[in-house]
């Protein structure tokens, strides 16, 4: 796992060797960032289930203003700090060791809103859509902001998203992984 582009390009990141943490494949990351690149400069980003921090770090490397990286696991948060240090991108990163609901409630209380939100919960947990619902109810997405869900249950998540006030504007499939783009 490595940083693909930007100021930390080529830096190898540490990853967590657990079944509950599944890093986004480089080819998926590359495609994702090709799609969102025009929106990154000076943006405020949330990597909600950050794991090793690779997605948030990629956003920082490519010029986002601030990246918030949230994960419930102490082991993951320690890895995020190590990877931020390795890439020298700590200055514009905020790392939170909290459950996603508490993390989102914290942002609401702090009046933080996001241009880009990346949601990649453990596939088996089926909480991506409930995360989106909470984000919308707490008004955490800026007017022209986007949410990206990484999932292996595209049909399930697409059907559940129909009940929310958000549009699916793109879907990409990469083997088992699917990226669903919302605005």
N, C-alpha and C. Protein backbone atom coordinates (compact mmCIF):
# COMPACT_ATOMS: atom_id res chain seq x y z
N UNK A 1 0.85 -1.16 0.00
CA UNK A 1 0.00 0.00 0.00
C UNK A 1 0.91 1.23 0.00
N UNK A 2 0.59 2.17 -0.90
CA UNK A 2 1.44 3.34 -1.06
C UNK A 2 0.59 4.57 -1.38
N UNK A 3 1.18 5.74 -1.21
CA UNK A 3 0.53 6.98 -1.62
C UNK A 3 0.76 7.10 -3.13
N UNK A 4 -0.32 7.33 -3.88
CA UNK A 4 -0.26 7.29 -5.34
C UNK A 4 0.27 8.59 -5.95
N UNK A 5 -0.15 9.73 -5.39
CA UNK A 5 0.20 11.00 -6.03
C UNK A 5 0.34 12.10 -4.99
N UNK A 6 0.86 13.23 -5.43
CA UNK A 6 0.97 14.39 -4.57
C UNK A 6 2.29 14.48 -3.84
N UNK A 7 2.30 15.25 -2.76
CA UNK A 7 3.54 15.54 -2.05
C UNK A 7 4.17 14.32 -1.39
N UNK A 8 3.37 13.31 -1.06
CA UNK A 8 3.90 12.10 -0.42
C UNK A 8 3.94 10.92 -1.39
N UNK A 9 3.89 11.22 -2.66
CA UNK A 9 3.84 10.18 -3.69
C UNK A 9 4.92 9.12 -3.49
N UNK A 10 4.50 7.85 -3.60
CA UNK A 10 5.42 6.73 -3.51
C UNK A 10 5.73 6.26 -2.10
N UNK A 11 5.30 7.00 -1.08
CA UNK A 11 5.56 6.59 0.29
C UNK A 11 4.77 5.33 0.61
N UNK A 12 5.48 4.31 1.11
CA UNK A 12 4.81 3.07 1.51
C UNK A 12 4.18 3.28 2.88
N UNK A 13 2.91 2.89 2.97
CA UNK A 13 2.19 3.04 4.23
C UNK A 13 2.13 1.71 4.97
N UNK A 14 2.13 1.80 6.28
CA UNK A 14 1.94 0.61 7.10
C UNK A 14 0.46 0.24 7.05
N UNK A 15 0.18 -1.05 7.15
CA UNK A 15 -1.22 -1.48 7.17
C UNK A 15 -1.45 -2.40 8.34
N UNK A 16 -2.71 -2.61 8.65
CA UNK A 16 -3.12 -3.43 9.78
C UNK A 16 -3.43 -4.82 9.25
N UNK A 17 -2.81 -5.82 9.82
CA UNK A 17 -3.03 -7.20 9.38
C UNK A 17 -4.13 -7.85 10.19
N UNK A 18 -5.35 -7.43 9.93
CA UNK A 18 -6.51 -8.02 10.59
C UNK A 18 -7.60 -8.21 9.55
N UNK A 19 -8.44 -9.21 9.77
CA UNK A 19 -9.54 -9.45 8.84
C UNK A 19 -10.57 -8.32 8.87
N UNK A 20 -10.71 -7.63 10.00
CA UNK A 20 -11.70 -6.57 10.11
C UNK A 20 -11.27 -5.31 9.37
N UNK A 21 -10.00 -5.18 9.04
CA UNK A 21 -9.51 -4.01 8.31
C UNK A 21 -9.04 -4.46 6.93
N UNK A 22 -9.66 -3.90 5.91
CA UNK A 22 -9.38 -4.28 4.53
C UNK A 22 -8.97 -3.02 3.78
N UNK A 23 -7.71 -2.91 3.40
CA UNK A 23 -7.28 -1.70 2.71
C UNK A 23 -7.91 -1.59 1.31
N UNK A 24 -8.19 -0.36 0.91
CA UNK A 24 -8.68 -0.12 -0.44
C UNK A 24 -7.54 -0.41 -1.41
N UNK A 25 -7.81 -1.23 -2.39
CA UNK A 25 -6.79 -1.61 -3.37
C UNK A 25 -6.29 -0.39 -4.13
N UNK A 26 -5.01 -0.42 -4.52
CA UNK A 26 -4.42 0.72 -5.24
C UNK A 26 -5.19 1.05 -6.52
N UNK A 27 -5.65 0.04 -7.26
CA UNK A 27 -6.38 0.33 -8.50
C UNK A 27 -7.72 1.01 -8.22
N UNK A 28 -8.36 0.66 -7.09
CA UNK A 28 -9.61 1.31 -6.71
C UNK A 28 -9.32 2.75 -6.28
N UNK A 29 -8.25 2.90 -5.48
CA UNK A 29 -7.84 4.23 -5.02
C UNK A 29 -7.51 5.14 -6.20
N UNK A 30 -6.77 4.61 -7.15
CA UNK A 30 -6.37 5.39 -8.32
C UNK A 30 -7.59 5.87 -9.09
N UNK A 31 -8.55 4.99 -9.31
CA UNK A 31 -9.77 5.36 -10.02
C UNK A 31 -10.58 6.39 -9.23
N UNK A 32 -10.73 6.15 -7.93
CA UNK A 32 -11.45 7.08 -7.07
C UNK A 32 -10.86 8.49 -7.18
N UNK A 33 -9.55 8.58 -7.07
CA UNK A 33 -8.92 9.90 -7.08
C UNK A 33 -8.90 10.53 -8.46
N UNK A 34 -8.92 9.76 -9.52
CA UNK A 34 -9.08 10.32 -10.86
C UNK A 34 -10.45 10.98 -11.00
N UNK A 35 -11.46 10.41 -10.36
CA UNK A 35 -12.82 10.96 -10.44
C UNK A 35 -12.97 12.22 -9.60
N UNK A 36 -12.42 12.22 -8.37
CA UNK A 36 -12.65 13.36 -7.46
C UNK A 36 -11.56 14.42 -7.50
N UNK A 37 -10.50 14.21 -8.25
CA UNK A 37 -9.36 15.14 -8.26
C UNK A 37 -9.75 16.61 -8.39
N UNK A 38 -10.68 16.98 -9.29
CA UNK A 38 -11.02 18.41 -9.41
C UNK A 38 -11.63 19.02 -8.14
N UNK A 39 -12.12 18.21 -7.24
CA UNK A 39 -12.77 18.72 -6.03
C UNK A 39 -11.84 18.76 -4.81
N UNK A 40 -10.61 18.25 -4.94
CA UNK A 40 -9.75 18.06 -3.77
C UNK A 40 -9.09 19.35 -3.28
N UNK A 41 -8.59 20.17 -4.18
CA UNK A 41 -7.84 21.37 -3.79
C UNK A 41 -8.61 22.19 -2.76
N UNK A 42 -7.99 22.41 -1.60
CA UNK A 42 -8.52 23.25 -0.52
C UNK A 42 -9.83 22.72 0.09
N UNK A 43 -10.11 21.42 -0.07
CA UNK A 43 -11.34 20.84 0.47
C UNK A 43 -11.16 20.38 1.91
N UNK A 44 -12.29 20.16 2.57
CA UNK A 44 -12.32 19.57 3.91
C UNK A 44 -12.91 18.17 3.72
N UNK A 45 -12.12 17.17 4.16
CA UNK A 45 -12.43 15.77 3.86
C UNK A 45 -12.61 14.98 5.15
N UNK A 46 -13.53 14.01 5.10
CA UNK A 46 -13.69 13.06 6.20
C UNK A 46 -13.49 11.65 5.67
N UNK A 47 -12.55 10.93 6.28
CA UNK A 47 -12.36 9.50 6.04
C UNK A 47 -12.94 8.83 7.28
N UNK A 48 -14.21 8.37 7.17
CA UNK A 48 -14.98 8.00 8.36
C UNK A 48 -14.54 6.70 9.02
N UNK A 49 -14.24 5.69 8.27
CA UNK A 49 -13.74 4.43 8.84
C UNK A 49 -12.32 4.28 8.32
N UNK A 50 -11.41 5.03 8.88
CA UNK A 50 -10.11 5.31 8.26
C UNK A 50 -9.14 4.14 8.21
N UNK A 51 -9.25 3.17 9.10
CA UNK A 51 -8.31 2.05 9.07
C UNK A 51 -6.87 2.54 9.22
N UNK A 52 -6.05 2.30 8.22
CA UNK A 52 -4.64 2.74 8.26
C UNK A 52 -4.49 4.22 7.92
N UNK A 53 -5.56 4.85 7.44
CA UNK A 53 -5.51 6.27 7.07
C UNK A 53 -5.14 6.52 5.62
N UNK A 54 -5.02 5.46 4.82
CA UNK A 54 -4.53 5.60 3.44
C UNK A 54 -5.36 6.56 2.59
N UNK A 55 -6.67 6.52 2.71
CA UNK A 55 -7.51 7.41 1.89
C UNK A 55 -7.36 8.86 2.34
N UNK A 56 -7.47 9.12 3.62
CA UNK A 56 -7.29 10.48 4.12
C UNK A 56 -5.92 11.03 3.80
N UNK A 57 -4.90 10.19 3.92
CA UNK A 57 -3.53 10.60 3.60
C UNK A 57 -3.39 10.92 2.12
N UNK A 58 -4.04 10.14 1.27
CA UNK A 58 -4.01 10.42 -0.18
C UNK A 58 -4.64 11.78 -0.46
N UNK A 59 -5.75 12.09 0.21
CA UNK A 59 -6.37 13.42 0.05
C UNK A 59 -5.41 14.52 0.49
N UNK A 60 -4.74 14.33 1.63
CA UNK A 60 -3.79 15.33 2.12
C UNK A 60 -2.64 15.50 1.14
N UNK A 61 -2.12 14.41 0.63
CA UNK A 61 -1.00 14.45 -0.31
C UNK A 61 -1.37 15.21 -1.58
N UNK A 62 -2.65 15.16 -1.94
CA UNK A 62 -3.13 15.80 -3.16
C UNK A 62 -3.65 17.22 -2.95
N UNK A 63 -3.56 17.74 -1.73
CA UNK A 63 -3.85 19.16 -1.54
C UNK A 63 -5.14 19.53 -0.85
N UNK A 64 -5.79 18.61 -0.16
CA UNK A 64 -6.97 19.04 0.59
C UNK A 64 -6.52 19.93 1.75
N UNK A 65 -7.37 20.80 2.20
CA UNK A 65 -7.03 21.72 3.28
C UNK A 65 -6.89 20.98 4.61
N UNK A 66 -7.90 20.17 4.95
CA UNK A 66 -7.91 19.42 6.19
C UNK A 66 -8.55 18.06 5.94
N UNK A 67 -7.96 17.03 6.50
CA UNK A 67 -8.56 15.70 6.46
C UNK A 67 -8.78 15.23 7.89
N UNK A 68 -10.02 14.83 8.15
CA UNK A 68 -10.38 14.23 9.42
C UNK A 68 -10.41 12.73 9.21
N UNK A 69 -9.69 12.00 10.05
CA UNK A 69 -9.62 10.55 9.94
C UNK A 69 -10.19 9.96 11.23
N UNK A 70 -11.26 9.21 11.11
CA UNK A 70 -11.96 8.69 12.27
C UNK A 70 -11.96 7.16 12.23
N UNK A 71 -11.58 6.55 13.34
CA UNK A 71 -11.68 5.10 13.46
C UNK A 71 -11.89 4.74 14.92
N UNK A 72 -12.64 3.68 15.16
CA UNK A 72 -12.97 3.23 16.50
C UNK A 72 -11.86 2.40 17.13
N UNK A 73 -10.97 1.86 16.32
CA UNK A 73 -9.93 0.95 16.79
C UNK A 73 -8.68 1.71 17.24
N UNK A 74 -8.22 1.41 18.45
CA UNK A 74 -6.97 2.01 18.94
C UNK A 74 -5.80 1.63 18.06
N UNK A 75 -5.78 0.38 17.62
CA UNK A 75 -4.70 -0.11 16.76
C UNK A 75 -4.69 0.68 15.44
N UNK A 76 -5.87 0.92 14.87
CA UNK A 76 -5.96 1.69 13.63
C UNK A 76 -5.49 3.13 13.84
N UNK A 77 -5.91 3.74 14.91
CA UNK A 77 -5.53 5.14 15.18
C UNK A 77 -4.02 5.25 15.37
N UNK A 78 -3.41 4.29 16.05
CA UNK A 78 -1.95 4.30 16.18
C UNK A 78 -1.28 4.19 14.81
N UNK A 79 -1.83 3.34 13.94
CA UNK A 79 -1.29 3.16 12.59
C UNK A 79 -1.46 4.45 11.78
N UNK A 80 -2.59 5.12 11.93
CA UNK A 80 -2.82 6.39 11.23
C UNK A 80 -1.74 7.40 11.63
N UNK A 81 -1.50 7.51 12.93
CA UNK A 81 -0.47 8.46 13.40
C UNK A 81 0.91 8.11 12.83
N UNK A 82 1.24 6.82 12.80
CA UNK A 82 2.52 6.39 12.22
C UNK A 82 2.60 6.77 10.74
N UNK A 83 1.51 6.54 10.00
CA UNK A 83 1.51 6.84 8.57
C UNK A 83 1.54 8.35 8.30
N UNK A 84 0.87 9.11 9.14
CA UNK A 84 0.94 10.57 8.99
C UNK A 84 2.35 11.08 9.24
N UNK A 85 3.00 10.51 10.24
CA UNK A 85 4.38 10.90 10.54
C UNK A 85 5.30 10.52 9.37
N UNK A 86 5.11 9.33 8.86
CA UNK A 86 5.93 8.83 7.76
C UNK A 86 5.81 9.72 6.51
N UNK A 87 4.60 10.23 6.27
CA UNK A 87 4.35 11.07 5.09
C UNK A 87 4.53 12.56 5.38
N UNK A 88 4.76 12.89 6.64
CA UNK A 88 4.90 14.29 7.08
C UNK A 88 3.65 15.13 6.78
N UNK A 89 2.49 14.53 6.94
CA UNK A 89 1.23 15.22 6.64
C UNK A 89 0.38 15.45 7.89
N UNK A 90 1.00 15.41 9.07
CA UNK A 90 0.26 15.56 10.33
C UNK A 90 -0.40 16.92 10.47
N UNK A 91 0.23 17.95 9.93
CA UNK A 91 -0.20 19.33 10.16
C UNK A 91 -1.66 19.58 9.78
N UNK A 92 -2.12 19.00 8.69
CA UNK A 92 -3.48 19.25 8.22
C UNK A 92 -4.43 18.09 8.49
N UNK A 93 -4.01 17.20 9.39
CA UNK A 93 -4.84 16.03 9.72
C UNK A 93 -5.37 16.13 11.14
N UNK A 94 -6.60 15.68 11.31
CA UNK A 94 -7.21 15.56 12.63
C UNK A 94 -7.64 14.10 12.77
N UNK A 95 -7.11 13.42 13.77
CA UNK A 95 -7.39 12.00 13.97
C UNK A 95 -8.28 11.84 15.20
N UNK A 96 -9.37 11.10 15.02
CA UNK A 96 -10.31 10.87 16.11
C UNK A 96 -10.47 9.38 16.36
N UNK A 97 -10.35 8.98 17.61
CA UNK A 97 -10.51 7.58 18.01
C UNK A 97 -11.90 7.44 18.65
N UNK A 98 -12.90 7.30 17.78
CA UNK A 98 -14.28 7.24 18.26
C UNK A 98 -15.11 6.37 17.34
N UNK A 99 -16.23 5.91 17.87
CA UNK A 99 -17.25 5.25 17.08
C UNK A 99 -17.78 6.26 16.05
N UNK A 100 -18.18 5.78 14.89
CA UNK A 100 -18.58 6.71 13.82
C UNK A 100 -19.72 7.63 14.23
N UNK A 101 -20.68 7.14 15.01
CA UNK A 101 -21.80 7.99 15.43
C UNK A 101 -21.31 9.12 16.32
N UNK A 102 -20.46 8.78 17.28
CA UNK A 102 -19.91 9.81 18.18
C UNK A 102 -19.03 10.79 17.42
N UNK A 103 -18.34 10.29 16.43
CA UNK A 103 -17.50 11.14 15.59
C UNK A 103 -18.38 12.15 14.84
N UNK A 104 -19.45 11.68 14.22
CA UNK A 104 -20.33 12.56 13.46
C UNK A 104 -21.04 13.57 14.37
N UNK A 105 -21.44 13.13 15.56
CA UNK A 105 -22.06 14.05 16.51
C UNK A 105 -21.08 15.12 16.96
N UNK A 106 -19.82 14.73 17.13
CA UNK A 106 -18.77 15.69 17.49
C UNK A 106 -18.64 16.77 16.41
N UNK A 107 -18.63 16.35 15.14
CA UNK A 107 -18.52 17.33 14.05
C UNK A 107 -19.71 18.28 14.04
N UNK A 108 -20.88 17.76 14.31
CA UNK A 108 -22.07 18.60 14.36
C UNK A 108 -21.94 19.66 15.46
N UNK A 109 -21.49 19.25 16.62
CA UNK A 109 -21.32 20.19 17.73
C UNK A 109 -20.24 21.23 17.44
N UNK A 110 -19.23 20.84 16.66
CA UNK A 110 -18.13 21.74 16.31
C UNK A 110 -18.41 22.56 15.05
N UNK A 111 -19.60 22.38 14.45
CA UNK A 111 -19.99 23.06 13.21
C UNK A 111 -19.00 22.81 12.07
N UNK A 112 -18.54 21.56 11.95
CA UNK A 112 -17.66 21.17 10.86
C UNK A 112 -18.51 20.55 9.76
N UNK A 113 -18.33 21.01 8.53
CA UNK A 113 -19.02 20.42 7.38
C UNK A 113 -17.96 20.04 6.35
N UNK A 114 -18.30 19.08 5.50
CA UNK A 114 -17.32 18.48 4.61
C UNK A 114 -17.65 18.65 3.14
N UNK A 115 -16.58 18.78 2.34
CA UNK A 115 -16.70 18.80 0.89
C UNK A 115 -16.76 17.37 0.34
N UNK A 116 -15.98 16.48 0.96
CA UNK A 116 -15.90 15.09 0.53
C UNK A 116 -15.90 14.20 1.76
N UNK A 117 -16.76 13.17 1.73
CA UNK A 117 -16.80 12.18 2.81
C UNK A 117 -16.63 10.80 2.18
N UNK A 118 -15.64 10.07 2.68
CA UNK A 118 -15.40 8.71 2.21
C UNK A 118 -15.81 7.75 3.31
N UNK A 119 -16.71 6.82 2.97
CA UNK A 119 -17.25 5.87 3.94
C UNK A 119 -16.88 4.46 3.49
N UNK A 120 -16.07 3.79 4.29
CA UNK A 120 -15.65 2.42 3.97
C UNK A 120 -15.66 1.58 5.24
N UNK A 121 -16.89 1.30 5.76
CA UNK A 121 -16.96 0.48 6.97
C UNK A 121 -16.64 -0.97 6.66
N UNK A 122 -16.37 -1.76 7.70
CA UNK A 122 -16.23 -3.19 7.44
C UNK A 122 -17.47 -3.70 6.69
N UNK A 123 -17.26 -4.40 5.60
CA UNK A 123 -18.38 -4.82 4.76
C UNK A 123 -19.47 -5.54 5.54
N UNK A 124 -19.09 -6.41 6.46
CA UNK A 124 -20.08 -7.22 7.17
C UNK A 124 -20.97 -6.39 8.11
N UNK A 125 -20.57 -5.18 8.44
CA UNK A 125 -21.32 -4.39 9.42
C UNK A 125 -22.59 -3.73 8.88
N UNK A 126 -22.74 -3.56 7.58
CA UNK A 126 -23.95 -2.99 6.98
C UNK A 126 -24.35 -1.66 7.63
N UNK A 127 -23.40 -0.73 7.72
CA UNK A 127 -23.68 0.57 8.35
C UNK A 127 -23.39 1.75 7.43
N UNK A 128 -23.06 1.50 6.19
CA UNK A 128 -22.74 2.60 5.27
C UNK A 128 -23.94 3.53 5.09
N UNK A 129 -25.11 2.97 4.82
CA UNK A 129 -26.29 3.80 4.58
C UNK A 129 -26.74 4.50 5.85
N UNK A 130 -26.66 3.83 6.99
CA UNK A 130 -27.02 4.52 8.24
C UNK A 130 -26.04 5.66 8.53
N UNK A 131 -24.78 5.51 8.10
CA UNK A 131 -23.80 6.59 8.23
C UNK A 131 -24.23 7.79 7.38
N UNK A 132 -24.63 7.52 6.14
CA UNK A 132 -25.08 8.59 5.24
C UNK A 132 -26.30 9.28 5.84
N UNK A 133 -27.24 8.51 6.36
CA UNK A 133 -28.45 9.07 6.96
C UNK A 133 -28.10 10.01 8.11
N UNK A 134 -27.17 9.61 8.96
CA UNK A 134 -26.75 10.45 10.08
C UNK A 134 -26.02 11.70 9.59
N UNK A 135 -25.18 11.55 8.59
CA UNK A 135 -24.47 12.70 8.00
C UNK A 135 -25.47 13.73 7.49
N UNK A 136 -26.51 13.26 6.79
CA UNK A 136 -27.52 14.17 6.25
C UNK A 136 -28.35 14.80 7.36
N UNK A 137 -28.74 14.00 8.36
CA UNK A 137 -29.57 14.55 9.43
C UNK A 137 -28.81 15.58 10.27
N UNK A 138 -27.49 15.41 10.38
CA UNK A 138 -26.67 16.37 11.13
C UNK A 138 -26.15 17.51 10.26
N UNK A 139 -26.50 17.49 8.97
CA UNK A 139 -26.14 18.54 8.03
C UNK A 139 -24.61 18.73 7.95
N UNK A 140 -23.90 17.61 7.77
CA UNK A 140 -22.43 17.64 7.75
C UNK A 140 -21.84 17.74 6.35
N UNK A 141 -22.67 17.65 5.33
CA UNK A 141 -22.19 17.72 3.95
C UNK A 141 -22.45 19.12 3.39
N UNK A 142 -21.41 19.75 2.88
CA UNK A 142 -21.57 21.08 2.28
C UNK A 142 -22.47 21.01 1.05
N UNK A 143 -22.95 22.15 0.62
CA UNK A 143 -23.94 22.24 -0.47
C UNK A 143 -23.54 21.44 -1.71
N UNK A 144 -22.34 21.58 -2.20
CA UNK A 144 -21.91 20.85 -3.39
C UNK A 144 -21.01 19.66 -3.04
N UNK A 145 -21.12 19.20 -1.80
CA UNK A 145 -20.28 18.11 -1.33
C UNK A 145 -20.67 16.76 -1.90
N UNK A 146 -19.76 15.82 -1.78
CA UNK A 146 -20.02 14.45 -2.25
C UNK A 146 -19.68 13.44 -1.15
N UNK A 147 -20.39 12.33 -1.21
CA UNK A 147 -20.12 11.19 -0.34
C UNK A 147 -19.77 10.02 -1.24
N UNK A 148 -18.74 9.28 -0.86
CA UNK A 148 -18.36 8.08 -1.60
C UNK A 148 -18.43 6.91 -0.63
N UNK A 149 -19.17 5.87 -1.01
CA UNK A 149 -19.26 4.65 -0.21
C UNK A 149 -18.48 3.56 -0.93
N UNK A 150 -17.63 2.86 -0.21
CA UNK A 150 -17.03 1.65 -0.74
C UNK A 150 -17.76 0.46 -0.11
N UNK A 151 -18.28 -0.44 -0.95
CA UNK A 151 -19.09 -1.55 -0.46
C UNK A 151 -18.95 -2.77 -1.36
N UNK A 152 -19.26 -3.93 -0.81
CA UNK A 152 -19.36 -5.13 -1.63
C UNK A 152 -20.82 -5.54 -1.80
N UNK A 153 -21.73 -4.74 -1.25
CA UNK A 153 -23.17 -5.00 -1.34
C UNK A 153 -23.86 -3.84 -2.07
N UNK A 154 -23.50 -3.66 -3.32
CA UNK A 154 -24.03 -2.53 -4.11
C UNK A 154 -25.56 -2.50 -4.12
N UNK A 155 -26.19 -3.61 -4.46
CA UNK A 155 -27.66 -3.64 -4.57
C UNK A 155 -28.32 -3.30 -3.25
N UNK A 156 -27.83 -3.90 -2.17
CA UNK A 156 -28.40 -3.63 -0.84
C UNK A 156 -28.31 -2.14 -0.52
N UNK A 157 -27.12 -1.56 -0.72
CA UNK A 157 -26.91 -0.16 -0.36
C UNK A 157 -27.68 0.78 -1.28
N UNK A 158 -27.71 0.49 -2.57
CA UNK A 158 -28.46 1.34 -3.52
C UNK A 158 -29.94 1.35 -3.14
N UNK A 159 -30.50 0.18 -2.84
CA UNK A 159 -31.92 0.10 -2.45
C UNK A 159 -32.19 0.89 -1.18
N UNK A 160 -31.30 0.79 -0.21
CA UNK A 160 -31.48 1.52 1.05
C UNK A 160 -31.31 3.03 0.87
N UNK A 161 -30.45 3.43 -0.05
CA UNK A 161 -30.22 4.86 -0.29
C UNK A 161 -31.44 5.55 -0.89
N UNK A 162 -32.32 4.79 -1.54
CA UNK A 162 -33.53 5.37 -2.15
C UNK A 162 -34.41 6.07 -1.13
N UNK A 163 -34.32 5.64 0.12
CA UNK A 163 -35.14 6.23 1.18
C UNK A 163 -34.57 7.55 1.70
N UNK A 164 -33.36 7.90 1.28
CA UNK A 164 -32.71 9.11 1.76
C UNK A 164 -32.80 10.22 0.72
N UNK A 165 -32.62 11.44 1.17
CA UNK A 165 -32.68 12.61 0.29
C UNK A 165 -31.29 12.89 -0.30
N UNK A 166 -30.83 11.94 -1.13
CA UNK A 166 -29.51 12.08 -1.76
C UNK A 166 -29.53 11.34 -3.09
N UNK A 167 -28.77 11.86 -4.06
CA UNK A 167 -28.75 11.25 -5.38
C UNK A 167 -27.50 10.42 -5.59
N UNK A 168 -27.68 9.25 -6.19
CA UNK A 168 -26.57 8.42 -6.64
C UNK A 168 -26.22 8.92 -8.03
N UNK A 169 -25.01 9.47 -8.23
CA UNK A 169 -24.67 9.99 -9.55
C UNK A 169 -23.64 9.16 -10.30
N UNK A 170 -23.03 8.19 -9.63
CA UNK A 170 -22.08 7.33 -10.33
C UNK A 170 -21.86 6.07 -9.50
N UNK A 171 -21.61 4.97 -10.16
CA UNK A 171 -21.27 3.70 -9.50
C UNK A 171 -20.15 3.07 -10.31
N UNK A 172 -19.10 2.62 -9.63
CA UNK A 172 -17.98 1.96 -10.29
C UNK A 172 -17.73 0.63 -9.59
N UNK A 173 -17.46 -0.40 -10.37
CA UNK A 173 -17.20 -1.74 -9.83
C UNK A 173 -15.77 -2.16 -10.13
N UNK A 174 -15.08 -2.67 -9.11
CA UNK A 174 -13.70 -3.14 -9.23
C UNK A 174 -13.61 -4.48 -8.51
N UNK A 175 -13.90 -5.56 -9.22
CA UNK A 175 -13.92 -6.86 -8.57
C UNK A 175 -15.02 -6.88 -7.52
N UNK A 176 -14.66 -7.22 -6.29
CA UNK A 176 -15.62 -7.26 -5.20
C UNK A 176 -16.05 -5.86 -4.73
N UNK A 177 -15.18 -4.90 -4.88
CA UNK A 177 -15.43 -3.53 -4.36
C UNK A 177 -16.25 -2.71 -5.36
N UNK A 178 -17.17 -1.94 -4.79
CA UNK A 178 -17.96 -0.99 -5.56
C UNK A 178 -17.82 0.38 -4.91
N UNK A 179 -17.72 1.40 -5.73
CA UNK A 179 -17.74 2.78 -5.24
C UNK A 179 -19.07 3.40 -5.68
N UNK A 180 -19.79 3.95 -4.71
CA UNK A 180 -21.06 4.61 -4.97
C UNK A 180 -20.85 6.09 -4.64
N UNK A 181 -21.09 6.95 -5.64
CA UNK A 181 -20.89 8.39 -5.50
C UNK A 181 -22.25 9.06 -5.30
N UNK A 182 -22.34 9.88 -4.26
CA UNK A 182 -23.60 10.53 -3.87
C UNK A 182 -23.42 12.04 -3.79
N UNK A 183 -24.49 12.77 -4.12
CA UNK A 183 -24.50 14.21 -3.87
C UNK A 183 -25.92 14.68 -3.70
